[in-house]
């Protein structure tokens, strides 16, 4: 069964659009990883400095492999993100 992650990200005030743009390339790269079913960033229309990263992985093994790849990945430029964000994990069961 797939695993869904929802990560809420807060940008430094006024940097939401720049942070979202930085995630564009990362989304493309991560979507090429084995077992990645979704990796997209969405920006709030009410608070442009609030972004949500939606991830879906085929299984726990694919997510664990992604974590290893992430350790070697270059970080996003400093000064764009505030705090460490909030992460929610779910077992994904599509109903429709």
C-alpha atoms as a PDB file:
ATOM      1  CA  UNK A   1       0.000   0.000   0.000  1.00  0.00           C
ATOM      2  CA  UNK A   2       1.243   3.488  -0.856  1.00  0.00           C
ATOM      3  CA  UNK A   3       2.421   6.003   1.703  1.00  0.00           C
ATOM      4  CA  UNK A   4       1.263   9.622   1.549  1.00  0.00           C
ATOM      5  CA  UNK A   5       3.298  12.439   3.111  1.00  0.00           C
ATOM      6  CA  UNK A   6       2.037  15.966   3.588  1.00  0.00           C
ATOM      7  CA  UNK A   7       4.732  18.448   4.546  1.00  0.00           C
ATOM      8  CA  UNK A   8       3.768  22.021   5.415  1.00  0.00           C
ATOM      9  CA  UNK A   9       6.574  24.465   4.670  1.00  0.00           C
ATOM     10  CA  UNK A  10       6.778  28.090   5.743  1.00  0.00           C
ATOM     11  CA  UNK A  11       8.878  30.471   3.691  1.00  0.00           C
ATOM     12  CA  UNK A  12      10.669  33.478   5.077  1.00  0.00           C
ATOM     13  CA  UNK A  13       8.146  36.337   4.759  1.00  0.00           C
ATOM     14  CA  UNK A  14       7.962  37.487   1.156  1.00  0.00           C
ATOM     15  CA  UNK A  15       9.990  34.520  -0.178  1.00  0.00           C
ATOM     16  CA  UNK A  16       7.170  32.046  -0.909  1.00  0.00           C
ATOM     17  CA  UNK A  17       7.292  32.403  -4.686  1.00  0.00           C
ATOM     18  CA  UNK A  18      11.072  32.073  -4.710  1.00  0.00           C
ATOM     19  CA  UNK A  19      10.939  28.973  -2.515  1.00  0.00           C
ATOM     20  CA  UNK A  20       8.243  27.416  -4.714  1.00  0.00           C
ATOM     21  CA  UNK A  21      10.401  28.086  -7.787  1.00  0.00           C
ATOM     22  CA  UNK A  22      13.368  26.366  -6.107  1.00  0.00           C
ATOM     23  CA  UNK A  23      11.222  23.280  -5.514  1.00  0.00           C
ATOM     24  CA  UNK A  24      10.329  23.035  -9.216  1.00  0.00           C
ATOM     25  CA  UNK A  25      13.593  21.330 -10.187  1.00  0.00           C
ATOM     26  CA  UNK A  26      13.587  19.162  -7.084  1.00  0.00           C
ATOM     27  CA  UNK A  27      10.074  17.917  -7.919  1.00  0.00           C
ATOM     28  CA  UNK A  28      11.191  16.911 -11.404  1.00  0.00           C
ATOM     29  CA  UNK A  29      14.237  15.072 -10.042  1.00  0.00           C
ATOM     30  CA  UNK A  30      12.411  13.247  -7.246  1.00  0.00           C
ATOM     31  CA  UNK A  31       9.636  12.096  -9.587  1.00  0.00           C
ATOM     32  CA  UNK A  32      12.312  10.070 -11.427  1.00  0.00           C
ATOM     33  CA  UNK A  33      13.138   8.067  -8.282  1.00  0.00           C
ATOM     34  CA  UNK A  34      11.887   4.466  -8.225  1.00  0.00           C
ATOM     35  CA  UNK A  35       8.633   4.150  -6.312  1.00  0.00           C
ATOM     36  CA  UNK A  36       7.757   7.857  -6.394  1.00  0.00           C
ATOM     37  CA  UNK A  37       4.121   8.263  -7.422  1.00  0.00           C
ATOM     38  CA  UNK A  38       3.778  11.972  -6.600  1.00  0.00           C
ATOM     39  CA  UNK A  39       6.059  14.780  -5.456  1.00  0.00           C
ATOM     40  CA  UNK A  40       4.508  18.221  -5.884  1.00  0.00           C
ATOM     41  CA  UNK A  41       4.568  21.561  -4.099  1.00  0.00           C
ATOM     42  CA  UNK A  42       1.449  23.697  -3.775  1.00  0.00           C
ATOM     43  CA  UNK A  43       1.381  27.340  -2.695  1.00  0.00           C
ATOM     44  CA  UNK A  44      -1.470  28.793  -0.639  1.00  0.00           C
ATOM     45  CA  UNK A  45      -3.584  31.464  -2.319  1.00  0.00           C
ATOM     46  CA  UNK A  46      -4.350  32.956   1.106  1.00  0.00           C
ATOM     47  CA  UNK A  47      -0.771  32.972   2.416  1.00  0.00           C
ATOM     48  CA  UNK A  48       1.817  32.811  -0.395  1.00  0.00           C
ATOM     49  CA  UNK A  49       4.548  32.081   2.151  1.00  0.00           C
ATOM     50  CA  UNK A  50       2.864  28.780   3.067  1.00  0.00           C
ATOM     51  CA  UNK A  51       3.565  25.786   0.854  1.00  0.00           C
ATOM     52  CA  UNK A  52       2.521  22.153   1.069  1.00  0.00           C
ATOM     53  CA  UNK A  53       4.606  19.329  -0.330  1.00  0.00           C
ATOM     54  CA  UNK A  54       2.518  16.286  -1.304  1.00  0.00           C
ATOM     55  CA  UNK A  55       4.417  13.043  -1.675  1.00  0.00           C
ATOM     56  CA  UNK A  56       3.169   9.543  -2.444  1.00  0.00           C
ATOM     57  CA  UNK A  57       5.480   6.541  -2.411  1.00  0.00           C
ATOM     58  CA  UNK A  58       4.755   3.013  -3.610  1.00  0.00           C
ATOM     59  CA  UNK A  59       5.804   1.540  -0.258  1.00  0.00           C
ATOM     60  CA  UNK A  60       7.963   2.052   2.827  1.00  0.00           C
ATOM     61  CA  UNK A  61      11.041   0.691   1.024  1.00  0.00           C
ATOM     62  CA  UNK A  62      10.763   3.335  -1.714  1.00  0.00           C
ATOM     63  CA  UNK A  63      10.367   6.068   0.909  1.00  0.00           C
ATOM     64  CA  UNK A  64      13.398   4.767   2.815  1.00  0.00           C
ATOM     65  CA  UNK A  65      15.468   4.797  -0.379  1.00  0.00           C
ATOM     66  CA  UNK A  66      14.327   8.373  -1.042  1.00  0.00           C
ATOM     67  CA  UNK A  67      15.524   9.339   2.458  1.00  0.00           C
ATOM     68  CA  UNK A  68      18.986   7.978   1.597  1.00  0.00           C
ATOM     69  CA  UNK A  69      19.068   9.900  -1.690  1.00  0.00           C
ATOM     70  CA  UNK A  70      17.923  13.038   0.136  1.00  0.00           C
ATOM     71  CA  UNK A  71      20.913  12.878   2.483  1.00  0.00           C
ATOM     72  CA  UNK A  72      23.241  13.360  -0.493  1.00  0.00           C
ATOM     73  CA  UNK A  73      21.099  15.960  -2.258  1.00  0.00           C
ATOM     74  CA  UNK A  74      22.272  19.575  -2.207  1.00  0.00           C
ATOM     75  CA  UNK A  75      20.163  21.702   0.132  1.00  0.00           C
ATOM     76  CA  UNK A  76      17.917  24.464  -1.112  1.00  0.00           C
ATOM     77  CA  UNK A  77      19.496  27.925  -0.972  1.00  0.00           C
ATOM     78  CA  UNK A  78      19.582  29.382   2.555  1.00  0.00           C
ATOM     79  CA  UNK A  79      17.311  32.232   3.570  1.00  0.00           C
ATOM     80  CA  UNK A  80      14.149  30.944   1.894  1.00  0.00           C
ATOM     81  CA  UNK A  81      12.649  28.565   4.436  1.00  0.00           C
ATOM     82  CA  UNK A  82      11.592  29.246   8.005  1.00  0.00           C
ATOM     83  CA  UNK A  83      11.676  26.438  10.570  1.00  0.00           C
ATOM     84  CA  UNK A  84      11.670  22.731   9.816  1.00  0.00           C
ATOM     85  CA  UNK A  85       8.030  22.381   8.742  1.00  0.00           C
ATOM     86  CA  UNK A  86       5.376  19.905   9.794  1.00  0.00           C
ATOM     87  CA  UNK A  87       5.126  16.394   8.365  1.00  0.00           C
ATOM     88  CA  UNK A  88       2.109  14.099   8.341  1.00  0.00           C
ATOM     89  CA  UNK A  89       2.358  10.457   7.183  1.00  0.00           C
ATOM     90  CA  UNK A  90      -0.613   8.382   6.040  1.00  0.00           C
ATOM     91  CA  UNK A  91      -1.173   4.950   4.595  1.00  0.00           C
ATOM     92  CA  UNK A  92      -2.748   5.781   1.254  1.00  0.00           C
ATOM     93  CA  UNK A  93      -5.911   3.986   0.270  1.00  0.00           C
ATOM     94  CA  UNK A  94      -7.601   5.454  -2.782  1.00  0.00           C
ATOM     95  CA  UNK A  95     -11.371   5.134  -2.474  1.00  0.00           C
ATOM     96  CA  UNK A  96     -12.475   6.491  -5.859  1.00  0.00           C
END
